[in-house]
Amino acid sequence: MEEQSKKKIHQIEIIAAVVLLLVSIASFFPKPGITGYVSIESKKQKIDLTIANSQSYILTTRSQEPMYLTSLKLSGEVIGDGIAKAYISAKDQKILIYSNVIKKGKGLDTVTGMSKITGNVVEVDAKDEAGEDLVIEHLENIELESQKIAKDELLSKGNFEDACVDSCFIEMLLNKDIAYQLLFYVEEGTILNINEIVYTIRKD
């Protein structure tokens, strides 16, 4: 009888240890929550901007529904030997999209944060207002900001693609009543051609 009692106690101890282990494992992993669906769209829009002096443009949308601009990339060409930069501006904050000022010994990809958007990219017809998420319209000429090239920097020229220095990951609310500025700073004698924008839109 005593041996049977000891066996039962031993079995109970083993079962208790197993239950305790399972409870510990269950408490270690959080329970899955119910998350909402968020739609992210990658779009490519042809534009034709030739900028021979510093200018500002309005960036907005005709959409009634609110959306978030979550990345913005530019492709184009720099002609000439001067500085060319592009920003998106909201109030007093300027976010650098493109700059042809690069560090010596570093490739353009490293400096400008260029990266390809993967997945499906929908090409938007800029003439189709119903399907156009972003609207870009000329605002005014602006003064060239004071710029100097450091000893360890140089200027690049030629084609660039999907440039986004600080605009690869952003979150900017957009609807027909909210607009931002695109600021292009271009030195005299230099031309900045922008022929395409690639961007992502989040619709909650």
N, C-alpha and C. Protein backbone atom coordinates (compact mmCIF):
# COMPACT_ATOMS: atom_id res chain seq x y z
N MET A 1 0.82 -1.20 0.00
CA MET A 1 0.00 0.00 0.00
C MET A 1 0.86 1.26 0.00
N GLU A 2 1.90 1.19 0.82
CA GLU A 2 2.77 2.36 0.93
C GLU A 2 3.47 2.65 -0.39
N GLU A 3 3.87 1.55 -1.10
CA GLU A 3 4.54 1.73 -2.39
C GLU A 3 3.58 2.31 -3.42
N GLN A 4 2.32 1.83 -3.40
CA GLN A 4 1.32 2.35 -4.33
C GLN A 4 1.07 3.84 -4.09
N SER A 5 1.02 4.23 -2.82
CA SER A 5 0.82 5.64 -2.46
C SER A 5 1.96 6.49 -2.98
N LYS A 6 3.17 5.96 -2.83
CA LYS A 6 4.34 6.71 -3.31
C LYS A 6 4.30 6.86 -4.83
N LYS A 7 3.86 5.79 -5.53
CA LYS A 7 3.77 5.86 -6.99
C LYS A 7 2.75 6.90 -7.42
N LYS A 8 1.56 6.91 -6.74
CA LYS A 8 0.53 7.89 -7.07
C LYS A 8 1.01 9.32 -6.84
N ILE A 9 1.71 9.52 -5.69
CA ILE A 9 2.25 10.86 -5.39
C ILE A 9 3.25 11.28 -6.45
N HIS A 10 4.08 10.32 -6.88
CA HIS A 10 5.08 10.59 -7.90
C HIS A 10 4.42 10.96 -9.22
N GLN A 11 3.33 10.22 -9.58
CA GLN A 11 2.59 10.51 -10.81
C GLN A 11 1.95 11.88 -10.76
N ILE A 12 1.38 12.20 -9.60
CA ILE A 12 0.75 13.52 -9.43
C ILE A 12 1.79 14.64 -9.59
N GLU A 13 2.97 14.43 -9.03
CA GLU A 13 4.04 15.42 -9.13
C GLU A 13 4.45 15.63 -10.59
N ILE A 14 4.53 14.52 -11.34
CA ILE A 14 4.90 14.62 -12.76
C ILE A 14 3.84 15.39 -13.54
N ILE A 15 2.56 15.02 -13.28
CA ILE A 15 1.45 15.71 -13.97
C ILE A 15 1.44 17.20 -13.63
N ALA A 16 1.65 17.52 -12.37
CA ALA A 16 1.67 18.93 -11.94
C ALA A 16 2.81 19.69 -12.62
N ALA A 17 3.96 19.02 -12.75
CA ALA A 17 5.11 19.66 -13.39
C ALA A 17 4.83 19.93 -14.87
N VAL A 18 4.18 18.97 -15.53
CA VAL A 18 3.84 19.13 -16.95
C VAL A 18 2.83 20.27 -17.14
N VAL A 19 1.80 20.29 -16.28
CA VAL A 19 0.79 21.36 -16.35
C VAL A 19 1.44 22.72 -16.13
N LEU A 20 2.32 22.81 -15.14
CA LEU A 20 3.01 24.06 -14.85
C LEU A 20 3.85 24.51 -16.04
N LEU A 21 4.51 23.55 -16.70
CA LEU A 21 5.32 23.87 -17.87
C LEU A 21 4.45 24.41 -19.01
N LEU A 22 3.31 23.76 -19.25
CA LEU A 22 2.40 24.21 -20.31
C LEU A 22 1.85 25.60 -20.03
N VAL A 23 1.50 25.85 -18.77
CA VAL A 23 1.00 27.19 -18.39
C VAL A 23 2.06 28.24 -18.61
N SER A 24 3.30 27.91 -18.26
CA SER A 24 4.40 28.86 -18.44
C SER A 24 4.61 29.19 -19.91
N ILE A 25 4.56 28.13 -20.76
CA ILE A 25 4.73 28.36 -22.20
C ILE A 25 3.60 29.21 -22.76
N ALA A 26 2.37 28.93 -22.33
CA ALA A 26 1.21 29.68 -22.82
C ALA A 26 1.28 31.14 -22.42
N SER A 27 1.76 31.41 -21.20
CA SER A 27 1.85 32.79 -20.73
C SER A 27 2.99 33.55 -21.39
N PHE A 28 4.00 32.80 -21.89
CA PHE A 28 5.15 33.45 -22.53
C PHE A 28 4.76 34.03 -23.88
N PHE A 29 3.91 33.32 -24.63
CA PHE A 29 3.48 33.79 -25.95
C PHE A 29 2.16 34.53 -25.82
N PRO A 30 2.13 35.82 -26.28
CA PRO A 30 0.89 36.60 -26.16
C PRO A 30 -0.19 36.03 -27.06
N LYS A 31 -1.42 36.22 -26.61
CA LYS A 31 -2.54 35.76 -27.41
C LYS A 31 -2.68 36.65 -28.65
N PRO A 32 -2.98 36.05 -29.79
CA PRO A 32 -3.13 36.87 -31.00
C PRO A 32 -4.34 37.77 -30.88
N GLY A 33 -4.14 39.03 -31.24
CA GLY A 33 -5.25 39.98 -31.20
C GLY A 33 -5.88 40.12 -32.57
N ILE A 34 -7.01 40.77 -32.62
CA ILE A 34 -7.70 41.03 -33.87
C ILE A 34 -7.21 42.36 -34.41
N THR A 35 -6.60 42.35 -35.57
CA THR A 35 -6.05 43.57 -36.15
C THR A 35 -6.89 43.99 -37.35
N GLY A 36 -6.96 45.30 -37.59
CA GLY A 36 -7.71 45.81 -38.72
C GLY A 36 -6.92 45.68 -40.01
N TYR A 37 -7.63 45.72 -41.12
CA TYR A 37 -6.99 45.61 -42.43
C TYR A 37 -6.53 46.98 -42.89
N VAL A 38 -5.29 47.09 -43.29
CA VAL A 38 -4.74 48.34 -43.79
C VAL A 38 -4.27 48.11 -45.23
N SER A 39 -4.77 48.95 -46.14
CA SER A 39 -4.44 48.81 -47.55
C SER A 39 -3.26 49.71 -47.90
N ILE A 40 -2.19 49.12 -48.43
CA ILE A 40 -1.03 49.87 -48.89
C ILE A 40 -0.93 49.72 -50.40
N GLU A 41 -0.90 50.85 -51.10
CA GLU A 41 -0.81 50.83 -52.55
C GLU A 41 0.48 51.50 -53.00
N SER A 42 1.20 50.85 -53.90
CA SER A 42 2.39 51.43 -54.52
C SER A 42 2.02 51.92 -55.91
N LYS A 43 2.32 53.17 -56.20
CA LYS A 43 1.92 53.75 -57.47
C LYS A 43 3.07 54.50 -58.13
N LYS A 44 3.02 54.52 -59.46
CA LYS A 44 4.02 55.22 -60.25
C LYS A 44 3.30 56.20 -61.16
N GLN A 45 3.74 57.45 -61.12
CA GLN A 45 3.05 58.50 -61.88
C GLN A 45 4.05 59.27 -62.73
N LYS A 46 3.78 59.32 -64.02
CA LYS A 46 4.64 60.08 -64.93
C LYS A 46 4.36 61.57 -64.78
N ILE A 47 5.43 62.34 -64.65
CA ILE A 47 5.30 63.79 -64.63
C ILE A 47 6.39 64.36 -65.54
N ASP A 48 6.27 65.61 -65.86
CA ASP A 48 7.25 66.22 -66.77
C ASP A 48 7.59 67.62 -66.27
N LEU A 49 8.53 67.67 -65.33
CA LEU A 49 8.95 68.95 -64.77
C LEU A 49 10.37 69.25 -65.21
N THR A 50 10.55 70.42 -65.79
CA THR A 50 11.89 70.90 -66.14
C THR A 50 12.15 72.14 -65.30
N ILE A 51 13.11 72.03 -64.39
CA ILE A 51 13.34 73.08 -63.40
C ILE A 51 14.72 73.68 -63.63
N ALA A 52 14.73 74.92 -64.12
CA ALA A 52 15.99 75.60 -64.44
C ALA A 52 16.35 76.65 -63.40
N ASN A 53 15.46 76.88 -62.46
CA ASN A 53 15.73 77.78 -61.34
C ASN A 53 14.90 77.31 -60.16
N SER A 54 15.18 77.82 -58.99
CA SER A 54 14.52 77.33 -57.78
C SER A 54 13.02 77.66 -57.81
N GLN A 55 12.20 76.63 -57.58
CA GLN A 55 10.75 76.79 -57.67
C GLN A 55 10.05 75.94 -56.61
N SER A 56 8.81 76.32 -56.34
CA SER A 56 7.98 75.53 -55.44
C SER A 56 6.73 75.06 -56.17
N TYR A 57 6.25 73.89 -55.78
CA TYR A 57 5.05 73.30 -56.36
C TYR A 57 4.12 72.87 -55.23
N ILE A 58 2.83 72.86 -55.50
CA ILE A 58 1.85 72.35 -54.57
C ILE A 58 1.67 70.86 -54.83
N LEU A 59 1.68 70.07 -53.77
CA LEU A 59 1.38 68.64 -53.86
C LEU A 59 0.13 68.37 -53.03
N THR A 60 -0.91 67.87 -53.68
CA THR A 60 -2.16 67.57 -52.98
C THR A 60 -2.85 66.41 -53.69
N THR A 61 -4.13 66.22 -53.39
CA THR A 61 -4.91 65.15 -54.02
C THR A 61 -6.33 65.66 -54.24
N ARG A 62 -7.03 65.05 -55.17
CA ARG A 62 -8.44 65.37 -55.39
C ARG A 62 -9.36 64.42 -54.64
N SER A 63 -8.77 63.49 -53.94
CA SER A 63 -9.56 62.48 -53.23
C SER A 63 -10.33 63.10 -52.07
N GLN A 64 -11.58 62.69 -51.94
CA GLN A 64 -12.39 63.12 -50.81
C GLN A 64 -12.02 62.35 -49.55
N GLU A 65 -11.61 61.11 -49.75
CA GLU A 65 -11.29 60.25 -48.61
C GLU A 65 -9.87 60.54 -48.11
N PRO A 66 -9.67 60.59 -46.80
CA PRO A 66 -8.32 60.81 -46.26
C PRO A 66 -7.42 59.61 -46.55
N MET A 67 -6.16 59.89 -46.78
CA MET A 67 -5.16 58.84 -47.02
C MET A 67 -3.83 59.34 -46.46
N TYR A 68 -2.88 58.43 -46.35
CA TYR A 68 -1.56 58.79 -45.85
C TYR A 68 -0.52 58.50 -46.92
N LEU A 69 0.29 59.52 -47.22
CA LEU A 69 1.44 59.34 -48.09
C LEU A 69 2.56 58.76 -47.24
N THR A 70 2.99 57.52 -47.56
CA THR A 70 3.95 56.83 -46.69
C THR A 70 5.34 56.71 -47.30
N SER A 71 5.50 57.06 -48.56
CA SER A 71 6.83 57.18 -49.15
C SER A 71 6.71 58.00 -50.43
N LEU A 72 7.80 58.65 -50.79
CA LEU A 72 7.82 59.48 -52.01
C LEU A 72 9.21 59.42 -52.61
N LYS A 73 9.29 58.99 -53.89
CA LYS A 73 10.57 58.84 -54.57
C LYS A 73 10.52 59.55 -55.92
N LEU A 74 11.64 60.11 -56.32
CA LEU A 74 11.73 60.84 -57.57
C LEU A 74 12.75 60.19 -58.50
N SER A 75 12.44 60.26 -59.79
CA SER A 75 13.38 59.83 -60.82
C SER A 75 13.52 60.94 -61.84
N GLY A 76 14.72 61.10 -62.39
CA GLY A 76 14.93 62.15 -63.38
C GLY A 76 16.37 62.28 -63.78
N GLU A 77 16.79 63.53 -64.00
CA GLU A 77 18.13 63.78 -64.52
C GLU A 77 18.60 65.16 -64.10
N VAL A 78 19.88 65.26 -63.78
CA VAL A 78 20.53 66.55 -63.52
C VAL A 78 21.46 66.86 -64.68
N ILE A 79 21.27 68.06 -65.25
CA ILE A 79 22.12 68.53 -66.34
C ILE A 79 22.86 69.77 -65.85
N GLY A 80 24.18 69.75 -65.90
CA GLY A 80 24.96 70.89 -65.44
C GLY A 80 25.82 70.53 -64.24
N ASP A 81 26.56 71.52 -63.75
CA ASP A 81 27.55 71.28 -62.70
C ASP A 81 27.19 71.94 -61.37
N GLY A 82 25.92 72.32 -61.21
CA GLY A 82 25.52 72.96 -59.97
C GLY A 82 24.76 72.04 -59.04
N ILE A 83 24.36 72.60 -57.89
CA ILE A 83 23.63 71.84 -56.88
C ILE A 83 22.15 71.74 -57.28
N ALA A 84 21.56 70.58 -57.03
CA ALA A 84 20.13 70.37 -57.25
C ALA A 84 19.57 69.56 -56.08
N LYS A 85 18.54 70.09 -55.44
CA LYS A 85 17.93 69.40 -54.30
C LYS A 85 16.41 69.49 -54.39
N ALA A 86 15.74 68.49 -53.83
CA ALA A 86 14.28 68.48 -53.80
C ALA A 86 13.81 68.10 -52.40
N TYR A 87 12.82 68.85 -51.89
CA TYR A 87 12.25 68.61 -50.57
C TYR A 87 10.73 68.53 -50.69
N ILE A 88 10.12 67.85 -49.72
CA ILE A 88 8.70 68.02 -49.47
C ILE A 88 8.58 68.75 -48.14
N SER A 89 7.73 69.78 -48.11
CA SER A 89 7.70 70.68 -46.96
C SER A 89 6.30 70.72 -46.36
N ALA A 90 6.25 70.69 -45.02
CA ALA A 90 5.02 70.85 -44.27
C ALA A 90 5.28 71.87 -43.17
N LYS A 91 4.68 73.02 -43.30
CA LYS A 91 4.91 74.13 -42.37
C LYS A 91 6.41 74.46 -42.34
N ASP A 92 7.05 74.30 -41.18
CA ASP A 92 8.46 74.65 -41.05
C ASP A 92 9.38 73.44 -41.22
N GLN A 93 8.84 72.30 -41.51
CA GLN A 93 9.64 71.09 -41.64
C GLN A 93 9.88 70.76 -43.11
N LYS A 94 11.15 70.52 -43.45
CA LYS A 94 11.51 70.13 -44.81
C LYS A 94 12.11 68.74 -44.78
N ILE A 95 11.59 67.86 -45.63
CA ILE A 95 12.08 66.49 -45.73
C ILE A 95 12.79 66.34 -47.06
N LEU A 96 14.06 65.98 -47.02
CA LEU A 96 14.87 65.89 -48.22
C LEU A 96 14.50 64.63 -49.02
N ILE A 97 14.16 64.84 -50.30
CA ILE A 97 13.85 63.72 -51.19
C ILE A 97 15.08 63.37 -52.04
N TYR A 98 15.69 64.40 -52.63
CA TYR A 98 16.83 64.15 -53.53
C TYR A 98 17.88 65.24 -53.36
N SER A 99 19.13 64.84 -53.47
CA SER A 99 20.26 65.77 -53.50
C SER A 99 21.35 65.17 -54.37
N ASN A 100 21.96 66.01 -55.21
CA ASN A 100 23.07 65.50 -56.03
C ASN A 100 24.42 65.76 -55.37
N VAL A 101 24.39 66.15 -54.09
CA VAL A 101 25.63 66.31 -53.31
C VAL A 101 25.93 64.97 -52.65
N ILE A 102 27.06 64.38 -52.97
CA ILE A 102 27.41 63.06 -52.43
C ILE A 102 28.81 63.10 -51.80
N LYS A 103 29.03 62.17 -50.90
CA LYS A 103 30.33 62.04 -50.27
C LYS A 103 31.31 61.38 -51.25
N LYS A 104 32.53 61.85 -51.23
CA LYS A 104 33.55 61.25 -52.09
C LYS A 104 33.77 59.79 -51.68
N GLY A 105 33.89 58.94 -52.68
CA GLY A 105 34.15 57.54 -52.42
C GLY A 105 32.93 56.72 -52.11
N LYS A 106 31.74 57.36 -52.12
CA LYS A 106 30.51 56.63 -51.87
C LYS A 106 29.63 56.68 -53.10
N GLY A 107 28.93 55.58 -53.35
CA GLY A 107 28.03 55.54 -54.48
C GLY A 107 26.78 56.35 -54.23
N LEU A 108 26.07 56.68 -55.29
CA LEU A 108 24.86 57.48 -55.17
C LEU A 108 23.79 56.74 -54.39
N ASP A 109 23.72 55.40 -54.51
CA ASP A 109 22.72 54.63 -53.78
C ASP A 109 22.88 54.79 -52.28
N THR A 110 24.15 54.86 -51.81
CA THR A 110 24.41 54.96 -50.38
C THR A 110 23.95 56.29 -49.83
N VAL A 111 24.18 57.35 -50.59
CA VAL A 111 23.91 58.69 -50.08
C VAL A 111 22.44 59.05 -50.18
N THR A 112 21.80 58.68 -51.28
CA THR A 112 20.43 59.13 -51.49
C THR A 112 19.39 58.16 -50.97
N GLY A 113 19.81 57.07 -50.39
CA GLY A 113 18.84 56.15 -49.82
C GLY A 113 17.96 55.50 -50.86
N MET A 114 18.46 55.32 -52.07
CA MET A 114 17.64 54.76 -53.13
C MET A 114 17.34 53.29 -52.85
N SER A 115 16.11 52.92 -53.10
CA SER A 115 15.72 51.52 -52.97
C SER A 115 14.50 51.28 -53.84
N LYS A 116 14.39 50.08 -54.33
CA LYS A 116 13.28 49.73 -55.20
C LYS A 116 12.06 49.35 -54.36
N ILE A 117 10.89 49.81 -54.78
CA ILE A 117 9.67 49.35 -54.16
C ILE A 117 9.34 47.99 -54.75
N THR A 118 9.18 47.01 -53.88
CA THR A 118 8.89 45.68 -54.37
C THR A 118 7.39 45.43 -54.36
N GLY A 119 6.97 44.41 -55.07
CA GLY A 119 5.55 44.11 -55.16
C GLY A 119 4.93 44.79 -56.36
N ASN A 120 3.62 44.80 -56.40
CA ASN A 120 2.91 45.38 -57.53
C ASN A 120 2.92 46.90 -57.46
N VAL A 121 3.37 47.53 -58.52
CA VAL A 121 3.35 48.99 -58.62
C VAL A 121 2.38 49.36 -59.73
N VAL A 122 1.35 50.09 -59.39
CA VAL A 122 0.33 50.48 -60.36
C VAL A 122 0.74 51.77 -61.02
N GLU A 123 0.75 51.79 -62.34
CA GLU A 123 1.09 53.00 -63.07
C GLU A 123 -0.17 53.85 -63.23
N VAL A 124 -0.09 55.08 -62.78
CA VAL A 124 -1.24 55.98 -62.80
C VAL A 124 -1.17 56.87 -64.02
N ASP A 125 -2.29 57.02 -64.71
CA ASP A 125 -2.38 57.94 -65.84
C ASP A 125 -2.68 59.32 -65.30
N ALA A 126 -1.70 60.22 -65.41
CA ALA A 126 -1.85 61.56 -64.85
C ALA A 126 -2.97 62.35 -65.52
N LYS A 127 -3.39 61.95 -66.71
CA LYS A 127 -4.47 62.65 -67.40
C LYS A 127 -5.83 62.22 -66.90
N ASP A 128 -5.87 61.08 -66.20
CA ASP A 128 -7.12 60.56 -65.68
C ASP A 128 -7.30 61.07 -64.26
N GLU A 129 -8.06 62.15 -64.10
CA GLU A 129 -8.19 62.78 -62.79
C GLU A 129 -8.85 61.87 -61.77
N ALA A 130 -9.73 60.99 -62.25
CA ALA A 130 -10.42 60.10 -61.32
C ALA A 130 -9.45 59.11 -60.67
N GLY A 131 -8.41 58.71 -61.40
CA GLY A 131 -7.47 57.73 -60.87
C GLY A 131 -6.19 58.33 -60.37
N GLU A 132 -6.14 59.64 -60.28
CA GLU A 132 -4.91 60.33 -59.91
C GLU A 132 -4.90 60.60 -58.42
N ASP A 133 -3.95 60.00 -57.69
CA ASP A 133 -3.87 60.24 -56.26
C ASP A 133 -3.19 61.57 -55.96
N LEU A 134 -2.05 61.83 -56.62
CA LEU A 134 -1.29 63.04 -56.34
C LEU A 134 -1.44 64.05 -57.47
N VAL A 135 -1.61 65.30 -57.09
CA VAL A 135 -1.70 66.41 -58.04
C VAL A 135 -0.56 67.36 -57.73
N ILE A 136 0.22 67.70 -58.76
CA ILE A 136 1.37 68.58 -58.60
C ILE A 136 1.19 69.80 -59.50
N GLU A 137 1.16 70.98 -58.91
CA GLU A 137 0.92 72.21 -59.67
C GLU A 137 1.95 73.27 -59.26
N HIS A 138 2.41 74.03 -60.24
CA HIS A 138 3.42 75.07 -59.97
C HIS A 138 2.85 76.14 -59.06
N LEU A 139 3.67 76.59 -58.11
CA LEU A 139 3.25 77.63 -57.16
C LEU A 139 3.96 78.94 -57.44
N GLU A 140 5.29 78.96 -57.26
CA GLU A 140 6.03 80.20 -57.45
C GLU A 140 7.52 79.93 -57.51
N ASN A 141 8.27 80.93 -57.98
CA ASN A 141 9.73 80.87 -57.91
C ASN A 141 10.17 81.18 -56.49
N ILE A 142 11.24 80.57 -56.05
CA ILE A 142 11.73 80.80 -54.69
C ILE A 142 13.22 81.12 -54.75
N GLU A 143 13.73 81.65 -53.63
CA GLU A 143 15.16 81.98 -53.57
C GLU A 143 15.98 80.72 -53.30
N LEU A 144 17.13 80.67 -53.93
CA LEU A 144 18.05 79.55 -53.72
C LEU A 144 18.63 79.64 -52.32
N GLU A 145 18.51 78.56 -51.55
CA GLU A 145 19.09 78.56 -50.21
C GLU A 145 20.61 78.51 -50.30
N SER A 146 21.26 79.11 -49.31
CA SER A 146 22.72 79.14 -49.30
C SER A 146 23.27 77.72 -49.15
N GLN A 147 24.15 77.33 -50.07
CA GLN A 147 24.67 75.98 -50.07
C GLN A 147 26.16 75.99 -50.35
N LYS A 148 26.90 75.17 -49.63
CA LYS A 148 28.33 75.04 -49.84
C LYS A 148 28.69 73.57 -49.93
N ILE A 149 29.69 73.29 -50.72
CA ILE A 149 30.17 71.92 -50.88
C ILE A 149 31.39 71.73 -50.00
N ALA A 150 31.34 70.71 -49.14
CA ALA A 150 32.47 70.42 -48.25
C ALA A 150 33.61 69.76 -49.04
N LYS A 151 34.78 69.72 -48.43
CA LYS A 151 35.95 69.16 -49.10
C LYS A 151 35.78 67.68 -49.43
N ASP A 152 34.98 66.98 -48.61
CA ASP A 152 34.80 65.54 -48.84
C ASP A 152 33.54 65.24 -49.64
N GLU A 153 32.98 66.27 -50.30
CA GLU A 153 31.77 66.09 -51.09
C GLU A 153 32.01 66.45 -52.55
N LEU A 154 31.18 65.95 -53.41
CA LEU A 154 31.21 66.32 -54.82
C LEU A 154 29.80 66.29 -55.37
N LEU A 155 29.64 66.82 -56.58
CA LEU A 155 28.33 66.90 -57.22
C LEU A 155 28.20 65.82 -58.29
N SER A 156 27.08 65.12 -58.28
CA SER A 156 26.81 64.14 -59.31
C SER A 156 25.87 64.75 -60.34
N LYS A 157 25.90 64.23 -61.53
CA LYS A 157 24.96 64.66 -62.57
C LYS A 157 24.59 63.46 -63.40
N GLY A 158 23.59 63.64 -64.24
CA GLY A 158 23.09 62.52 -65.02
C GLY A 158 21.80 61.98 -64.43
N ASN A 159 21.45 60.77 -64.83
CA ASN A 159 20.18 60.17 -64.42
C ASN A 159 20.22 59.67 -62.98
N PHE A 160 19.07 59.75 -62.31
CA PHE A 160 18.88 59.13 -61.00
C PHE A 160 17.50 58.49 -60.99
N GLU A 161 17.34 57.47 -60.14
CA GLU A 161 16.10 56.70 -60.12
C GLU A 161 15.68 56.38 -58.69
N ASP A 162 14.39 56.58 -58.39
CA ASP A 162 13.82 56.23 -57.09
C ASP A 162 14.61 56.81 -55.93
N ALA A 163 14.91 58.09 -56.02
CA ALA A 163 15.68 58.76 -54.96
C ALA A 163 14.76 59.15 -53.80
N CYS A 164 15.19 58.85 -52.59
CA CYS A 164 14.43 59.23 -51.38
C CYS A 164 15.39 59.29 -50.20
N VAL A 165 16.00 60.42 -49.99
CA VAL A 165 16.98 60.55 -48.90
C VAL A 165 16.30 60.33 -47.55
N ASP A 166 15.31 61.17 -47.24
CA ASP A 166 14.58 61.08 -45.98
C ASP A 166 13.09 60.81 -46.19
N SER A 167 12.68 60.58 -47.43
CA SER A 167 11.25 60.40 -47.72
C SER A 167 10.89 58.96 -48.07
N CYS A 168 11.81 58.02 -47.78
CA CYS A 168 11.50 56.60 -48.05
C CYS A 168 10.40 56.10 -47.13
N PHE A 169 10.40 56.59 -45.89
CA PHE A 169 9.39 56.19 -44.91
C PHE A 169 8.87 57.45 -44.22
N ILE A 170 7.66 57.85 -44.60
CA ILE A 170 7.05 59.04 -44.04
C ILE A 170 5.59 58.72 -43.73
N GLU A 171 4.91 59.64 -43.09
CA GLU A 171 3.47 59.50 -42.86
C GLU A 171 2.85 60.89 -42.87
N MET A 172 2.24 61.23 -44.01
CA MET A 172 1.69 62.57 -44.20
C MET A 172 0.24 62.44 -44.65
N LEU A 173 -0.65 63.00 -43.85
CA LEU A 173 -2.07 62.94 -44.15
C LEU A 173 -2.39 63.75 -45.40
N LEU A 174 -3.21 63.16 -46.28
CA LEU A 174 -3.61 63.82 -47.52
C LEU A 174 -5.11 63.74 -47.70
N ASN A 175 -5.71 64.84 -48.14
CA ASN A 175 -7.04 64.85 -48.73
C ASN A 175 -7.14 66.13 -49.54
N LYS A 176 -8.30 66.41 -50.11
CA LYS A 176 -8.41 67.55 -51.02
C LYS A 176 -8.22 68.89 -50.33
N ASP A 177 -8.31 68.91 -48.99
CA ASP A 177 -8.16 70.17 -48.24
C ASP A 177 -6.78 70.33 -47.62
N ILE A 178 -5.90 69.35 -47.82
CA ILE A 178 -4.55 69.41 -47.25
C ILE A 178 -3.53 69.37 -48.38
N ALA A 179 -2.60 70.31 -48.35
CA ALA A 179 -1.57 70.38 -49.40
C ALA A 179 -0.20 70.57 -48.77
N TYR A 180 0.81 70.10 -49.49
CA TYR A 180 2.21 70.29 -49.08
C TYR A 180 2.94 70.97 -50.22
N GLN A 181 4.14 71.42 -49.93
CA GLN A 181 4.96 72.04 -50.97
C GLN A 181 6.11 71.12 -51.36
N LEU A 182 6.36 71.06 -52.66
CA LEU A 182 7.58 70.48 -53.18
C LEU A 182 8.53 71.62 -53.49
N LEU A 183 9.70 71.61 -52.87
CA LEU A 183 10.68 72.69 -53.04
C LEU A 183 11.85 72.16 -53.85
N PHE A 184 12.15 72.84 -54.94
CA PHE A 184 13.28 72.46 -55.78
C PHE A 184 14.29 73.60 -55.77
N TYR A 185 15.48 73.31 -55.26
CA TYR A 185 16.56 74.30 -55.23
C TYR A 185 17.58 73.92 -56.30
N VAL A 186 17.73 74.79 -57.29
CA VAL A 186 18.60 74.50 -58.43
C VAL A 186 19.49 75.71 -58.69
N GLU A 187 20.81 75.48 -58.72
CA GLU A 187 21.74 76.58 -58.99
C GLU A 187 21.66 77.02 -60.45
N GLU A 188 22.00 78.27 -60.67
CA GLU A 188 21.98 78.83 -62.02
C GLU A 188 22.91 78.04 -62.94
N GLY A 189 22.44 77.77 -64.14
CA GLY A 189 23.21 77.01 -65.10
C GLY A 189 22.99 75.50 -65.01
N THR A 190 22.16 75.09 -64.07
CA THR A 190 21.85 73.67 -63.88
C THR A 190 20.36 73.44 -64.14
N ILE A 191 20.04 72.29 -64.69
CA ILE A 191 18.64 71.93 -64.95
C ILE A 191 18.33 70.62 -64.24
N LEU A 192 17.21 70.61 -63.54
CA LEU A 192 16.73 69.40 -62.88
C LEU A 192 15.45 68.95 -63.58
N ASN A 193 15.53 67.79 -64.23
CA ASN A 193 14.34 67.21 -64.87
C ASN A 193 13.77 66.12 -63.97
N ILE A 194 12.49 66.23 -63.64
CA ILE A 194 11.79 65.20 -62.88
C ILE A 194 10.77 64.56 -63.82
N ASN A 195 10.93 63.27 -64.09
CA ASN A 195 10.02 62.63 -65.04
C ASN A 195 9.11 61.59 -64.42
N GLU A 196 9.34 61.23 -63.16
CA GLU A 196 8.50 60.19 -62.56
C GLU A 196 8.54 60.26 -61.04
N ILE A 197 7.40 59.99 -60.43
CA ILE A 197 7.35 59.83 -58.98
C ILE A 197 6.80 58.43 -58.68
N VAL A 198 7.38 57.81 -57.67
CA VAL A 198 6.87 56.53 -57.18
C VAL A 198 6.54 56.75 -55.71
N TYR A 199 5.34 56.34 -55.31
CA TYR A 199 4.91 56.63 -53.94
C TYR A 199 4.01 55.52 -53.44
N THR A 200 3.87 55.47 -52.12
CA THR A 200 2.95 54.51 -51.51
C THR A 200 1.88 55.29 -50.73
N ILE A 201 0.68 54.77 -50.81
CA ILE A 201 -0.48 55.36 -50.14
C ILE A 201 -1.09 54.35 -49.20
N ARG A 202 -1.37 54.78 -47.99
CA ARG A 202 -2.07 53.92 -47.02
C ARG A 202 -3.47 54.45 -46.81
N LYS A 203 -4.43 53.56 -46.98
CA LYS A 203 -5.83 53.90 -46.74
C LYS A 203 -6.36 53.02 -45.62
N ASP A 204 -6.68 53.62 -44.48
CA ASP A 204 -7.16 52.85 -43.33
C ASP A 204 -8.58 52.35 -43.55
